[in-house]
Amino acid sequence: MNPQGGITAIHATSGESIWSTDQAAKPLLLHGDILFAQAEPAGEAGRLHLVGLRAEDGTRSGFAVALELPQGVSASIDRGPRTSFQAELRAVEDDLIVSWSFATSPARRGDKPQLQRSVWRVGLASGEVDAVAPGDALPEPPPPPQQVTTAAESGGLLRAPRLVADLFAAPARAQSDTGDRVVLKRWRSDSGQPLPDVTLFPSGALKVRHASADGRHLLCSRLDPASNSGKRYEWSIFSLETGARVARIHSPWAGASFVLHGASVLHVSPANRGRVGGRRVEEPPMLRSIDVESQAESWSRPVRSTKQRGK
């Protein structure tokens, strides 16, 4: 999402713009060669506008629907003072499954937050819209093997298991004669057969943050021991398939949404406020590319902030 309110496709290696469009504002799902995205309400806050863009050049594909929302629900891309709207899409055969949720925070203490949600099935070719009743089953991915489910429910894992290639993987704490450590537990996705644990690091050496956007890597970090200010962090990025450390970089942030692309780490840094020469300066969120070998920033691009607006 670019700061001007549209969508920009960026070359992941060079950082150069491939195309930009104001026909939509928030990318939601790439299906084949079509990018399905949410458009701004444009005065119709009671509707969810979805459009299809050709991923190659950003032009309209011909797919466009305006879904009627219940009274009081606003499909705003930016967070409101006490509201937030989220839409999720997935493709199932010839249909687009549209799930939305609208959360409202209480205005007074003691009141309970409110959450509304619903699901639609939209024909990709016809554009026909059908509401999906809460009791109707939608096609779901095959469930994890029982061994994986049992491990997740035991409370011993540091993060939920993720499917990577042909196995499930999750970090966990383990005890041994040589001391506590953080290990990578893995199970075969077809049979649930456990694979040998892989030691990632001694307990307390790093803090487990989160998985990459594509679910293939795990970010762990610590305060950079070489930093005099104590405000820089050392990131260690591990493969969730093998447990090998595949990248180590330094950052002013403890963690961020990221993905490993070739020899670079792409991540989103938060908005930053400060003073330069006595003037107040506010930097928007930035998409940054860090070269793993040189530790230098290859490129950066501002992205749209959807932070809460108002009091």
C-alpha atoms as a PDB file:
ATOM      1  CA  MET A   1       0.000   0.000   0.000  1.00  0.00           C
ATOM      2  CA  ASN A   2       1.598   3.275  -1.022  1.00  0.00           C
ATOM      3  CA  PRO A   3       1.229   6.472   1.039  1.00  0.00           C
ATOM      4  CA  GLN A   4      -0.890   8.114  -1.672  1.00  0.00           C
ATOM      5  CA  GLY A   5      -3.683   5.606  -1.105  1.00  0.00           C
ATOM      6  CA  GLY A   6      -3.067   3.242  -4.008  1.00  0.00           C
ATOM      7  CA  ILE A   7      -1.057   0.083  -4.631  1.00  0.00           C
ATOM      8  CA  THR A   8       2.487  -0.086  -5.994  1.00  0.00           C
ATOM      9  CA  ALA A   9       4.250  -3.214  -7.257  1.00  0.00           C
ATOM     10  CA  ILE A  10       7.950  -3.066  -6.373  1.00  0.00           C
ATOM     11  CA  HIS A  11      10.845  -5.081  -7.797  1.00  0.00           C
ATOM     12  CA  ALA A  12      12.126  -6.991  -4.764  1.00  0.00           C
ATOM     13  CA  THR A  13      15.786  -6.837  -5.825  1.00  0.00           C
ATOM     14  CA  SER A  14      16.142  -3.272  -7.110  1.00  0.00           C
ATOM     15  CA  GLY A  15      13.341  -1.563  -5.192  1.00  0.00           C
ATOM     16  CA  GLU A  16      12.168   0.094  -8.405  1.00  0.00           C
ATOM     17  CA  SER A  17       8.476   0.623  -9.061  1.00  0.00           C
ATOM     18  CA  ILE A  18       6.979  -1.770 -11.619  1.00  0.00           C
ATOM     19  CA  TRP A  19       3.513  -0.215 -11.663  1.00  0.00           C
ATOM     20  CA  SER A  20       1.175   1.871  -9.512  1.00  0.00           C
ATOM     21  CA  THR A  21      -2.583   2.211  -9.472  1.00  0.00           C
ATOM     22  CA  ASP A  22      -5.254   4.149  -7.620  1.00  0.00           C
ATOM     23  CA  GLN A  23      -7.940   1.637  -8.616  1.00  0.00           C
ATOM     24  CA  ALA A  24      -7.510  -0.156  -5.265  1.00  0.00           C
ATOM     25  CA  ALA A  25      -5.808   0.502  -1.947  1.00  0.00           C
ATOM     26  CA  LYS A  26      -5.116  -2.769  -0.119  1.00  0.00           C
ATOM     27  CA  PRO A  27      -3.859  -6.009  -1.722  1.00  0.00           C
ATOM     28  CA  LEU A  28      -5.568  -9.079  -0.245  1.00  0.00           C
ATOM     29  CA  LEU A  29      -4.927 -12.147  -2.406  1.00  0.00           C
ATOM     30  CA  LEU A  30      -2.773 -13.075  -5.392  1.00  0.00           C
ATOM     31  CA  HIS A  31      -4.549 -15.866  -7.286  1.00  0.00           C
ATOM     32  CA  GLY A  32      -2.962 -16.914 -10.545  1.00  0.00           C
ATOM     33  CA  ASP A  33      -2.209 -13.719 -12.432  1.00  0.00           C
ATOM     34  CA  ILE A  34      -4.902 -11.670 -10.667  1.00  0.00           C
ATOM     35  CA  LEU A  35      -4.371  -9.562  -7.553  1.00  0.00           C
ATOM     36  CA  PHE A  36      -7.627  -9.164  -5.633  1.00  0.00           C
ATOM     37  CA  ALA A  37      -7.669  -5.958  -3.613  1.00  0.00           C
ATOM     38  CA  GLN A  38      -9.884  -3.757  -1.471  1.00  0.00           C
ATOM     39  CA  ALA A  39     -10.796  -0.336  -2.827  1.00  0.00           C
ATOM     40  CA  GLU A  40     -11.474   2.759  -0.735  1.00  0.00           C
ATOM     41  CA  PRO A  41     -15.096   3.137   0.401  1.00  0.00           C
ATOM     42  CA  ALA A  42     -15.310   6.456  -1.529  1.00  0.00           C
ATOM     43  CA  GLY A  43     -18.335   7.677   0.374  1.00  0.00           C
ATOM     44  CA  GLU A  44     -19.926   4.235   0.548  1.00  0.00           C
ATOM     45  CA  ALA A  45     -18.745   3.129   3.964  1.00  0.00           C
ATOM     46  CA  GLY A  46     -21.521   0.543   4.109  1.00  0.00           C
ATOM     47  CA  ARG A  47     -20.071  -1.485   1.249  1.00  0.00           C
ATOM     48  CA  LEU A  48     -16.935  -3.581   0.805  1.00  0.00           C
ATOM     49  CA  HIS A  49     -15.514  -2.872  -2.649  1.00  0.00           C
ATOM     50  CA  LEU A  50     -13.289  -5.580  -4.147  1.00  0.00           C
ATOM     51  CA  VAL A  51     -11.560  -5.372  -7.522  1.00  0.00           C
ATOM     52  CA  GLY A  52      -9.267  -7.578  -9.563  1.00  0.00           C
ATOM     53  CA  LEU A  53      -5.973  -6.228 -10.915  1.00  0.00           C
ATOM     54  CA  ARG A  54      -3.689  -7.895 -13.425  1.00  0.00           C
ATOM     55  CA  ALA A  55      -0.488  -8.641 -11.520  1.00  0.00           C
ATOM     56  CA  GLU A  56       1.643  -7.934 -14.582  1.00  0.00           C
ATOM     57  CA  ASP A  57       0.690  -4.282 -15.041  1.00  0.00           C
ATOM     58  CA  GLY A  58      -1.916  -3.350 -12.418  1.00  0.00           C
ATOM     59  CA  THR A  59      -4.758  -2.800 -14.887  1.00  0.00           C
ATOM     60  CA  ARG A  60      -8.317  -3.818 -14.036  1.00  0.00           C
ATOM     61  CA  SER A  61      -9.151  -7.439 -14.806  1.00  0.00           C
ATOM     62  CA  GLY A  62     -12.913  -6.969 -15.051  1.00  0.00           C
ATOM     63  CA  PHE A  63     -13.676  -8.431 -11.614  1.00  0.00           C
ATOM     64  CA  ALA A  64     -15.446  -5.937  -9.331  1.00  0.00           C
ATOM     65  CA  VAL A  65     -18.029  -6.420  -6.592  1.00  0.00           C
ATOM     66  CA  ALA A  66     -19.567  -4.171  -3.945  1.00  0.00           C
ATOM     67  CA  LEU A  67     -20.728  -6.218  -0.972  1.00  0.00           C
ATOM     68  CA  GLU A  68     -23.424  -4.795   1.268  1.00  0.00           C
ATOM     69  CA  LEU A  69     -22.436  -4.552   4.928  1.00  0.00           C
ATOM     70  CA  PRO A  70     -24.746  -4.427   7.967  1.00  0.00           C
ATOM     71  CA  GLN A  71     -25.748  -1.050   9.306  1.00  0.00           C
ATOM     72  CA  GLY A  72     -22.993   0.538  11.365  1.00  0.00           C
ATOM     73  CA  VAL A  73     -20.180  -1.474   9.751  1.00  0.00           C
ATOM     74  CA  SER A  74     -17.590   0.545   7.851  1.00  0.00           C
ATOM     75  CA  ALA A  75     -15.094  -1.094   5.467  1.00  0.00           C
ATOM     76  CA  SER A  76     -12.395   1.431   6.324  1.00  0.00           C
ATOM     77  CA  ILE A  77      -8.815   0.533   5.501  1.00  0.00           C
ATOM     78  CA  ASP A  78      -7.493   2.826   8.243  1.00  0.00           C
ATOM     79  CA  ARG A  79      -8.267   2.067  11.870  1.00  0.00           C
ATOM     80  CA  GLY A  80     -10.810   4.383  13.454  1.00  0.00           C
ATOM     81  CA  PRO A  81     -10.774   5.808  16.992  1.00  0.00           C
ATOM     82  CA  ARG A  82     -12.427   2.658  18.346  1.00  0.00           C
ATOM     83  CA  THR A  83     -13.041   0.542  15.250  1.00  0.00           C
ATOM     84  CA  SER A  84     -11.149  -1.716  12.873  1.00  0.00           C
ATOM     85  CA  PHE A  85     -12.239  -3.624   9.760  1.00  0.00           C
ATOM     86  CA  GLN A  86     -10.434  -6.605   8.269  1.00  0.00           C
ATOM     87  CA  ALA A  87     -11.192  -8.594   5.127  1.00  0.00           C
ATOM     88  CA  GLU A  88      -9.578 -11.897   4.153  1.00  0.00           C
ATOM     89  CA  LEU A  89      -9.879 -13.709   0.834  1.00  0.00           C
ATOM     90  CA  ARG A  90      -9.139 -17.196  -0.376  1.00  0.00           C
ATOM     91  CA  ALA A  91      -9.896 -18.926  -3.640  1.00  0.00           C
ATOM     92  CA  VAL A  92     -11.821 -22.216  -3.580  1.00  0.00           C
ATOM     93  CA  GLU A  93     -12.337 -23.763  -7.017  1.00  0.00           C
ATOM     94  CA  ASP A  94     -14.308 -21.178  -9.046  1.00  0.00           C
ATOM     95  CA  ASP A  95     -15.258 -19.023  -6.069  1.00  0.00           C
ATOM     96  CA  LEU A  96     -13.742 -16.322  -3.943  1.00  0.00           C
ATOM     97  CA  ILE A  97     -14.421 -16.788  -0.220  1.00  0.00           C
ATOM     98  CA  VAL A  98     -14.658 -13.376   1.446  1.00  0.00           C
ATOM     99  CA  SER A  99     -14.447 -13.250   5.248  1.00  0.00           C
ATOM    100  CA  TRP A 100     -14.737  -9.951   7.089  1.00  0.00           C
ATOM    101  CA  SER A 101     -14.710  -8.832  10.722  1.00  0.00           C
ATOM    102  CA  PHE A 102     -15.547  -5.483  12.298  1.00  0.00           C
ATOM    103  CA  ALA A 103     -14.356  -4.833  15.843  1.00  0.00           C
ATOM    104  CA  THR A 104     -15.621  -2.002  18.036  1.00  0.00           C
ATOM    105  CA  SER A 105     -13.855  -1.042  21.270  1.00  0.00           C
ATOM    106  CA  PRO A 106     -16.041   0.128  24.171  1.00  0.00           C
ATOM    107  CA  ALA A 107     -16.367   3.850  24.780  1.00  0.00           C
ATOM    108  CA  ARG A 108     -16.746   3.326  28.519  1.00  0.00           C
ATOM    109  CA  ARG A 109     -14.933   1.138  30.990  1.00  0.00           C
ATOM    110  CA  GLY A 110     -16.803  -1.999  31.835  1.00  0.00           C
ATOM    111  CA  ASP A 111     -18.465  -2.263  28.438  1.00  0.00           C
ATOM    112  CA  LYS A 112     -17.602  -5.285  26.341  1.00  0.00           C
ATOM    113  CA  PRO A 113     -15.972  -4.984  22.923  1.00  0.00           C
ATOM    114  CA  GLN A 114     -18.195  -5.919  19.996  1.00  0.00           C
ATOM    115  CA  LEU A 115     -17.214  -8.130  17.079  1.00  0.00           C
ATOM    116  CA  GLN A 116     -19.255  -8.694  13.937  1.00  0.00           C
ATOM    117  CA  ARG A 117     -18.231 -11.059  11.178  1.00  0.00           C
ATOM    118  CA  SER A 118     -19.621 -12.754   8.121  1.00  0.00           C
ATOM    119  CA  VAL A 119     -18.611 -14.828   5.096  1.00  0.00           C
ATOM    120  CA  TRP A 120     -19.605 -14.571   1.430  1.00  0.00           C
ATOM    121  CA  ARG A 121     -19.001 -16.784  -1.568  1.00  0.00           C
ATOM    122  CA  VAL A 122     -18.415 -14.766  -4.758  1.00  0.00           C
ATOM    123  CA  GLY A 123     -18.270 -16.371  -8.199  1.00  0.00           C
ATOM    124  CA  LEU A 124     -14.972 -15.477  -9.867  1.00  0.00           C
ATOM    125  CA  ALA A 125     -16.498 -15.514 -13.345  1.00  0.00           C
ATOM    126  CA  SER A 126     -20.097 -14.530 -12.634  1.00  0.00           C
ATOM    127  CA  GLY A 127     -19.618 -12.150  -9.716  1.00  0.00           C
ATOM    128  CA  GLU A 128     -22.685 -13.691  -8.071  1.00  0.00           C
ATOM    129  CA  VAL A 129     -22.710 -13.262  -4.289  1.00  0.00           C
ATOM    130  CA  ASP A 130     -24.081 -15.769  -1.800  1.00  0.00           C
ATOM    131  CA  ALA A 131     -23.955 -15.441   1.963  1.00  0.00           C
ATOM    132  CA  VAL A 132     -22.430 -18.447   3.699  1.00  0.00           C
ATOM    133  CA  ALA A 133     -24.465 -19.552   6.719  1.00  0.00           C
ATOM    134  CA  PRO A 134     -22.443 -20.059   9.926  1.00  0.00           C
ATOM    135  CA  GLY A 135     -23.252 -23.758   9.932  1.00  0.00           C
ATOM    136  CA  ASP A 136     -22.218 -24.379   6.337  1.00  0.00           C
ATOM    137  CA  ALA A 137     -18.851 -26.073   6.019  1.00  0.00           C
ATOM    138  CA  LEU A 138     -16.314 -24.566   3.677  1.00  0.00           C
ATOM    139  CA  PRO A 139     -13.463 -26.602   2.212  1.00  0.00           C
ATOM    140  CA  GLU A 140     -10.562 -26.507   4.643  1.00  0.00           C
ATOM    141  CA  PRO A 141      -6.956 -27.642   4.316  1.00  0.00           C
ATOM    142  CA  PRO A 142      -6.315 -31.141   5.682  1.00  0.00           C
ATOM    143  CA  PRO A 143      -5.854 -31.026   9.463  1.00  0.00           C
ATOM    144  CA  PRO A 144      -2.382 -31.592  10.923  1.00  0.00           C
ATOM    145  CA  PRO A 145      -1.546 -35.113  12.107  1.00  0.00           C
ATOM    146  CA  GLN A 146      -2.638 -35.905  15.658  1.00  0.00           C
ATOM    147  CA  GLN A 147       0.944 -35.790  16.946  1.00  0.00           C
ATOM    148  CA  VAL A 148       1.231 -32.161  15.812  1.00  0.00           C
ATOM    149  CA  THR A 149      -2.136 -31.200  17.295  1.00  0.00           C
ATOM    150  CA  THR A 150      -1.231 -32.846  20.613  1.00  0.00           C
ATOM    151  CA  ALA A 151       2.080 -30.990  20.770  1.00  0.00           C
ATOM    152  CA  ALA A 152       0.360 -27.678  20.023  1.00  0.00           C
ATOM    153  CA  GLU A 153      -2.246 -28.257  22.736  1.00  0.00           C
ATOM    154  CA  SER A 154       0.336 -29.271  25.335  1.00  0.00           C
ATOM    155  CA  GLY A 155       1.569 -25.714  25.808  1.00  0.00           C
ATOM    156  CA  GLY A 156       5.190 -26.701  25.371  1.00  0.00           C
ATOM    157  CA  LEU A 157       5.717 -24.934  22.060  1.00  0.00           C
ATOM    158  CA  LEU A 158       6.885 -21.322  21.810  1.00  0.00           C
ATOM    159  CA  ARG A 159       4.952 -20.742  18.602  1.00  0.00           C
ATOM    160  CA  ALA A 160       2.208 -22.579  16.721  1.00  0.00           C
ATOM    161  CA  PRO A 161       3.395 -25.265  14.266  1.00  0.00           C
ATOM    162  CA  ARG A 162       3.720 -24.119  10.653  1.00  0.00           C
ATOM    163  CA  LEU A 163       3.611 -26.172   7.494  1.00  0.00           C
ATOM    164  CA  VAL A 164       6.910 -25.833   5.596  1.00  0.00           C
ATOM    165  CA  ALA A 165       7.449 -27.960   2.495  1.00  0.00           C
ATOM    166  CA  ASP A 166       6.489 -31.494   3.642  1.00  0.00           C
ATOM    167  CA  LEU A 167       6.731 -31.018   7.396  1.00  0.00           C
ATOM    168  CA  PHE A 168       5.334 -29.085  10.338  1.00  0.00           C
ATOM    169  CA  ALA A 169       7.791 -27.131  12.491  1.00  0.00           C
ATOM    170  CA  ALA A 170       7.721 -25.089  15.691  1.00  0.00           C
ATOM    171  CA  PRO A 171      10.259 -23.767  18.239  1.00  0.00           C
ATOM    172  CA  ALA A 172      10.146 -25.160  21.771  1.00  0.00           C
ATOM    173  CA  ARG A 173      12.175 -25.166  24.991  1.00  0.00           C
ATOM    174  CA  ALA A 174      14.045 -28.335  25.918  1.00  0.00           C
ATOM    175  CA  GLN A 175      16.083 -29.407  28.918  1.00  0.00           C
ATOM    176  CA  SER A 176      19.254 -31.443  28.817  1.00  0.00           C
ATOM    177  CA  ASP A 177      22.353 -32.175  30.879  1.00  0.00           C
ATOM    178  CA  THR A 178      24.114 -29.309  29.122  1.00  0.00           C
ATOM    179  CA  GLY A 179      21.411 -26.762  30.032  1.00  0.00           C
ATOM    180  CA  ASP A 180      18.148 -25.433  28.721  1.00  0.00           C
ATOM    181  CA  ARG A 181      17.946 -24.650  25.038  1.00  0.00           C
ATOM    182  CA  VAL A 182      15.526 -23.634  22.321  1.00  0.00           C
ATOM    183  CA  VAL A 183      15.054 -26.344  19.738  1.00  0.00           C
ATOM    184  CA  LEU A 184      13.160 -26.742  16.480  1.00  0.00           C
ATOM    185  CA  LYS A 185      10.632 -29.567  16.629  1.00  0.00           C
ATOM    186  CA  ARG A 186       9.517 -31.083  13.343  1.00  0.00           C
ATOM    187  CA  TRP A 187       6.979 -33.655  12.190  1.00  0.00           C
ATOM    188  CA  ARG A 188       6.304 -35.174   8.793  1.00  0.00           C
ATOM    189  CA  SER A 189       3.134 -33.650   7.380  1.00  0.00           C
ATOM    190  CA  ASP A 190       1.751 -36.956   6.029  1.00  0.00           C
ATOM    191  CA  SER A 191       2.344 -39.311   8.960  1.00  0.00           C
ATOM    192  CA  GLY A 192       3.101 -37.049  11.922  1.00  0.00           C
ATOM    193  CA  GLN A 193       6.345 -38.953  12.528  1.00  0.00           C
ATOM    194  CA  PRO A 194       8.669 -36.729  14.575  1.00  0.00           C
ATOM    195  CA  LEU A 195      12.092 -35.845  13.232  1.00  0.00           C
ATOM    196  CA  PRO A 196      15.154 -35.261  15.445  1.00  0.00           C
ATOM    197  CA  ASP A 197      15.125 -31.923  17.284  1.00  0.00           C
ATOM    198  CA  VAL A 198      17.539 -29.278  16.038  1.00  0.00           C
ATOM    199  CA  THR A 199      19.137 -27.007  18.630  1.00  0.00           C
ATOM    200  CA  LEU A 200      18.729 -23.356  17.684  1.00  0.00           C
ATOM    201  CA  PHE A 201      20.385 -21.601  20.651  1.00  0.00           C
ATOM    202  CA  PRO A 202      20.739 -21.767  24.465  1.00  0.00           C
ATOM    203  CA  SER A 203      17.689 -20.535  26.378  1.00  0.00           C
ATOM    204  CA  GLY A 204      17.884 -16.819  27.066  1.00  0.00           C
ATOM    205  CA  ALA A 205      20.408 -16.131  24.315  1.00  0.00           C
ATOM    206  CA  LEU A 206      17.742 -14.842  21.933  1.00  0.00           C
ATOM    207  CA  LYS A 207      14.033 -14.105  22.072  1.00  0.00           C
ATOM    208  CA  VAL A 208      11.741 -15.854  19.604  1.00  0.00           C
ATOM    209  CA  ARG A 209       9.774 -13.215  17.682  1.00  0.00           C
ATOM    210  CA  HIS A 210       7.704 -14.538  14.774  1.00  0.00           C
ATOM    211  CA  ALA A 211       7.716 -16.387  11.468  1.00  0.00           C
ATOM    212  CA  SER A 212       8.297 -14.743   8.113  1.00  0.00           C
ATOM    213  CA  ALA A 213       5.407 -13.614   5.930  1.00  0.00           C
ATOM    214  CA  ASP A 214       5.766 -16.745   3.781  1.00  0.00           C
ATOM    215  CA  GLY A 215       6.052 -19.012   6.844  1.00  0.00           C
ATOM    216  CA  ARG A 216       9.462 -20.418   5.858  1.00  0.00           C
ATOM    217  CA  HIS A 217      11.710 -18.712   8.409  1.00  0.00           C
ATOM    218  CA  LEU A 218      11.805 -17.780  12.096  1.00  0.00           C
ATOM    219  CA  LEU A 219      13.060 -14.452  13.424  1.00  0.00           C
ATOM    220  CA  CYS A 220      14.778 -14.359  16.823  1.00  0.00           C
ATOM    221  CA  SER A 221      16.607 -11.345  18.231  1.00  0.00           C
ATOM    222  CA  ARG A 222      18.520  -9.862  21.151  1.00  0.00           C
ATOM    223  CA  LEU A 223      19.974  -6.528  22.104  1.00  0.00           C
ATOM    224  CA  ASP A 224      23.108  -6.061  20.039  1.00  0.00           C
ATOM    225  CA  PRO A 225      26.040  -6.718  22.409  1.00  0.00           C
ATOM    226  CA  ALA A 226      28.259  -4.488  20.264  1.00  0.00           C
ATOM    227  CA  SER A 227      25.919  -1.490  20.544  1.00  0.00           C
ATOM    228  CA  ASN A 228      26.964   1.157  23.038  1.00  0.00           C
ATOM    229  CA  SER A 229      23.545   2.820  23.076  1.00  0.00           C
ATOM    230  CA  GLY A 230      21.671  -0.404  23.778  1.00  0.00           C
ATOM    231  CA  LYS A 231      19.050   0.562  21.189  1.00  0.00           C
ATOM    232  CA  ARG A 232      20.103  -1.765  18.396  1.00  0.00           C
ATOM    233  CA  TYR A 233      19.198  -5.401  17.954  1.00  0.00           C
ATOM    234  CA  GLU A 234      20.848  -8.404  16.385  1.00  0.00           C
ATOM    235  CA  TRP A 235      18.490 -10.508  14.303  1.00  0.00           C
ATOM    236  CA  SER A 236      19.072 -14.216  13.734  1.00  0.00           C
ATOM    237  CA  ILE A 237      16.885 -15.804  11.071  1.00  0.00           C
ATOM    238  CA  PHE A 238      16.509 -19.593  11.048  1.00  0.00           C
ATOM    239  CA  SER A 239      15.084 -21.947   8.444  1.00  0.00           C
ATOM    240  CA  LEU A 240      11.923 -23.612   9.777  1.00  0.00           C
ATOM    241  CA  GLU A 241      12.656 -26.572   7.518  1.00  0.00           C
ATOM    242  CA  THR A 242      16.233 -27.374   8.620  1.00  0.00           C
ATOM    243  CA  GLY A 243      16.868 -25.238  11.725  1.00  0.00           C
ATOM    244  CA  ALA A 244      19.959 -23.705  10.130  1.00  0.00           C
ATOM    245  CA  ARG A 245      20.671 -20.033  10.737  1.00  0.00           C
ATOM    246  CA  VAL A 246      20.438 -18.473   7.276  1.00  0.00           C
ATOM    247  CA  ALA A 247      20.890 -14.773   8.060  1.00  0.00           C
ATOM    248  CA  ARG A 248      22.115 -12.411  10.749  1.00  0.00           C
ATOM    249  CA  ILE A 249      21.564  -8.662  10.493  1.00  0.00           C
ATOM    250  CA  HIS A 250      21.413  -5.637  12.793  1.00  0.00           C
ATOM    251  CA  SER A 251      18.361  -3.430  13.219  1.00  0.00           C
ATOM    252  CA  PRO A 252      17.025  -0.605  15.402  1.00  0.00           C
ATOM    253  CA  TRP A 253      13.892  -2.720  15.947  1.00  0.00           C
ATOM    254  CA  ALA A 254      13.462  -5.876  18.019  1.00  0.00           C
ATOM    255  CA  GLY A 255      11.410  -7.473  15.277  1.00  0.00           C
ATOM    256  CA  ALA A 256       9.266  -6.712  12.250  1.00  0.00           C
ATOM    257  CA  SER A 257       7.174  -8.328   9.549  1.00  0.00           C
ATOM    258  CA  PHE A 258       9.777  -9.740   7.147  1.00  0.00           C
ATOM    259  CA  VAL A 259      10.600 -12.158   4.366  1.00  0.00           C
ATOM    260  CA  LEU A 260      13.923 -13.505   3.105  1.00  0.00           C
ATOM    261  CA  HIS A 261      14.405 -12.820  -0.608  1.00  0.00           C
ATOM    262  CA  GLY A 262      17.622 -14.227  -2.025  1.00  0.00           C
ATOM    263  CA  ALA A 263      20.481 -12.612  -0.124  1.00  0.00           C
ATOM    264  CA  SER A 264      18.318  -9.823   1.305  1.00  0.00           C
ATOM    265  CA  VAL A 265      15.917  -9.417   4.199  1.00  0.00           C
ATOM    266  CA  LEU A 266      12.826  -7.374   3.310  1.00  0.00           C
ATOM    267  CA  HIS A 267      11.044  -5.959   6.337  1.00  0.00           C
ATOM    268  CA  VAL A 268       8.633  -3.206   7.316  1.00  0.00           C
ATOM    269  CA  SER A 269       9.853  -0.679   9.885  1.00  0.00           C
ATOM    270  CA  PRO A 270       7.270   1.213  11.961  1.00  0.00           C
ATOM    271  CA  ALA A 271       6.492   4.911  11.678  1.00  0.00           C
ATOM    272  CA  ASN A 272       9.105   6.954  13.492  1.00  0.00           C
ATOM    273  CA  ARG A 273       8.863  10.369  15.098  1.00  0.00           C
ATOM    274  CA  GLY A 274      11.821  12.533  16.080  1.00  0.00           C
ATOM    275  CA  ARG A 275      13.500  15.902  15.813  1.00  0.00           C
ATOM    276  CA  VAL A 276      16.077  16.979  13.269  1.00  0.00           C
ATOM    277  CA  GLY A 277      17.619  20.425  13.666  1.00  0.00           C
ATOM    278  CA  GLY A 278      14.954  21.416  16.157  1.00  0.00           C
ATOM    279  CA  ARG A 279      12.153  20.459  13.779  1.00  0.00           C
ATOM    280  CA  ARG A 280       9.708  17.650  14.409  1.00  0.00           C
ATOM    281  CA  VAL A 281       9.996  14.988  11.711  1.00  0.00           C
ATOM    282  CA  GLU A 282       7.685  12.019  11.213  1.00  0.00           C
ATOM    283  CA  GLU A 283       8.818   9.149   9.008  1.00  0.00           C
ATOM    284  CA  PRO A 284       6.100   6.832   7.652  1.00  0.00           C
ATOM    285  CA  PRO A 285       6.399   3.048   7.835  1.00  0.00           C
ATOM    286  CA  MET A 286       9.081   1.916   5.412  1.00  0.00           C
ATOM    287  CA  LEU A 287       9.610  -1.234   3.386  1.00  0.00           C
ATOM    288  CA  ARG A 288      13.361  -1.851   3.600  1.00  0.00           C
ATOM    289  CA  SER A 289      15.760  -4.263   1.936  1.00  0.00           C
ATOM    290  CA  ILE A 290      18.883  -5.210   3.925  1.00  0.00           C
ATOM    291  CA  ASP A 291      21.750  -7.049   2.236  1.00  0.00           C
ATOM    292  CA  VAL A 292      22.725  -9.965   4.495  1.00  0.00           C
ATOM    293  CA  GLU A 293      26.418  -9.955   3.569  1.00  0.00           C
ATOM    294  CA  SER A 294      27.169  -6.221   3.691  1.00  0.00           C
ATOM    295  CA  GLN A 295      24.502  -5.344   6.316  1.00  0.00           C
ATOM    296  CA  ALA A 296      23.776  -2.255   4.211  1.00  0.00           C
ATOM    297  CA  GLU A 297      20.319  -1.061   3.240  1.00  0.00           C
ATOM    298  CA  SER A 298      19.883  -1.691  -0.479  1.00  0.00           C
ATOM    299  CA  TRP A 299      16.702   0.343  -0.854  1.00  0.00           C
ATOM    300  CA  SER A 300      13.676   1.585   1.061  1.00  0.00           C
ATOM    301  CA  ARG A 301      10.178   2.703   0.098  1.00  0.00           C
ATOM    302  CA  PRO A 302       7.472   4.395   2.213  1.00  0.00           C
ATOM    303  CA  VAL A 303       4.266   2.452   2.752  1.00  0.00           C
ATOM    304  CA  ARG A 304       0.847   3.536   3.941  1.00  0.00           C
ATOM    305  CA  SER A 305       0.182   3.802   7.646  1.00  0.00           C
ATOM    306  CA  THR A 306      -3.185   2.458   8.806  1.00  0.00           C
ATOM    307  CA  LYS A 307      -2.711   3.506  12.420  1.00  0.00           C
ATOM    308  CA  GLN A 308      -5.642   4.554  14.523  1.00  0.00           C
ATOM    309  CA  ARG A 309      -6.913   8.010  13.724  1.00  0.00           C
ATOM    310  CA  GLY A 310      -8.711  10.331  16.104  1.00  0.00           C
ATOM    311  CA  LYS A 311      -8.809  10.215  19.909  1.00  0.00           C
END
